[in-house]
Amino acid sequence: MTIHELQGRAHAGLVRAQNGQGTVEYVGLILLIAVLIAGVVTASRSFKDTGIAEAIVKKIKGAIDGVAESK
């Protein structure tokens, strides 16, 4: 095996590792956003006027349902 073949294999291995890393980062970001939204909804339950919180929850549920229907 030549040095060029070794370099090619090393490069291919690095590229594969980086592709999986991007997926993990997106999953982490989505989980972070979900936790923040859950915190806002939980904190807003103590308010007497829940109109804004209910509107946010309805919009989020509508967006999730829209994604589910499009598939």
Protein backbone atom coordinates (compact mmCIF):
# COMPACT_ATOMS: atom_id res chain seq x y z
CA MET A 1 0.00 0.00 0.00
CA THR A 2 1.40 3.37 -0.99
CA ILE A 3 1.47 6.52 1.09
CA HIS A 4 -1.24 8.03 -1.12
CA GLU A 5 -3.60 5.15 -0.44
CA LEU A 6 -3.00 5.51 3.29
CA GLN A 7 -3.70 9.23 3.13
CA GLY A 8 -6.88 8.58 1.15
CA ARG A 9 -8.14 6.10 3.72
CA ALA A 10 -7.33 8.47 6.58
CA HIS A 11 -9.17 11.31 4.84
CA ALA A 12 -12.22 9.11 4.17
CA GLY A 13 -12.32 8.13 7.84
CA LEU A 14 -12.22 11.75 8.96
CA VAL A 15 -14.98 12.77 6.57
CA ARG A 16 -17.26 10.01 7.87
CA ALA A 17 -16.62 11.06 11.48
CA GLN A 18 -17.49 14.70 10.72
CA ASN A 19 -20.80 13.80 9.04
CA GLY A 20 -22.04 12.05 12.18
CA GLN A 21 -20.90 14.95 14.34
CA GLY A 22 -23.25 17.36 12.58
CA THR A 23 -26.23 15.14 13.33
CA VAL A 24 -25.34 15.01 17.01
CA GLU A 25 -25.05 18.80 17.14
CA TYR A 26 -28.48 19.28 15.55
CA VAL A 27 -30.09 16.79 17.95
CA GLY A 28 -28.49 18.61 20.88
CA LEU A 29 -29.76 21.95 19.61
CA ILE A 30 -33.30 20.62 19.18
CA LEU A 31 -33.23 19.16 22.70
CA LEU A 32 -32.03 22.48 24.10
CA ILE A 33 -34.86 24.37 22.40
CA ALA A 34 -37.40 21.80 23.64
CA VAL A 35 -36.17 22.20 27.21
CA LEU A 36 -36.38 25.99 26.97
CA ILE A 37 -39.92 25.87 25.59
CA ALA A 38 -40.98 23.40 28.29
CA GLY A 39 -39.52 25.73 30.92
CA VAL A 40 -41.40 28.73 29.55
CA VAL A 41 -44.67 26.81 29.43
CA THR A 42 -44.18 25.48 32.97
CA ALA A 43 -43.30 28.91 34.32
CA SER A 44 -46.25 30.53 32.58
CA ARG A 45 -48.75 28.22 34.30
CA SER A 46 -48.40 30.29 37.46
CA PHE A 47 -49.66 33.42 35.67
CA LYS A 48 -53.33 34.33 35.96
CA ASP A 49 -53.53 35.54 32.35
CA THR A 50 -52.48 32.52 30.28
CA GLY A 51 -53.57 33.83 26.89
CA ILE A 52 -50.05 34.24 25.55
CA ALA A 53 -48.92 30.85 26.88
CA GLU A 54 -51.93 29.12 25.37
CA ALA A 55 -51.34 30.84 22.03
CA ILE A 56 -47.70 29.70 22.02
CA VAL A 57 -48.65 26.12 22.84
CA LYS A 58 -51.31 26.10 20.09
CA LYS A 59 -48.82 27.43 17.53
CA ILE A 60 -46.18 24.86 18.49
CA LYS A 61 -48.71 22.01 18.35
CA GLY A 62 -49.92 23.29 14.99
CA ALA A 63 -46.39 23.35 13.62
CA ILE A 64 -45.71 19.81 14.84
CA ASP A 65 -49.00 18.58 13.36
CA GLY A 66 -48.17 20.30 10.08
CA VAL A 67 -44.86 18.50 9.85
CA ALA A 68 -46.51 15.17 10.68
CA GLU A 69 -49.19 15.68 8.01
CA SER A 70 -46.70 16.59 5.29
CA LYS A 71 -44.95 13.22 5.60
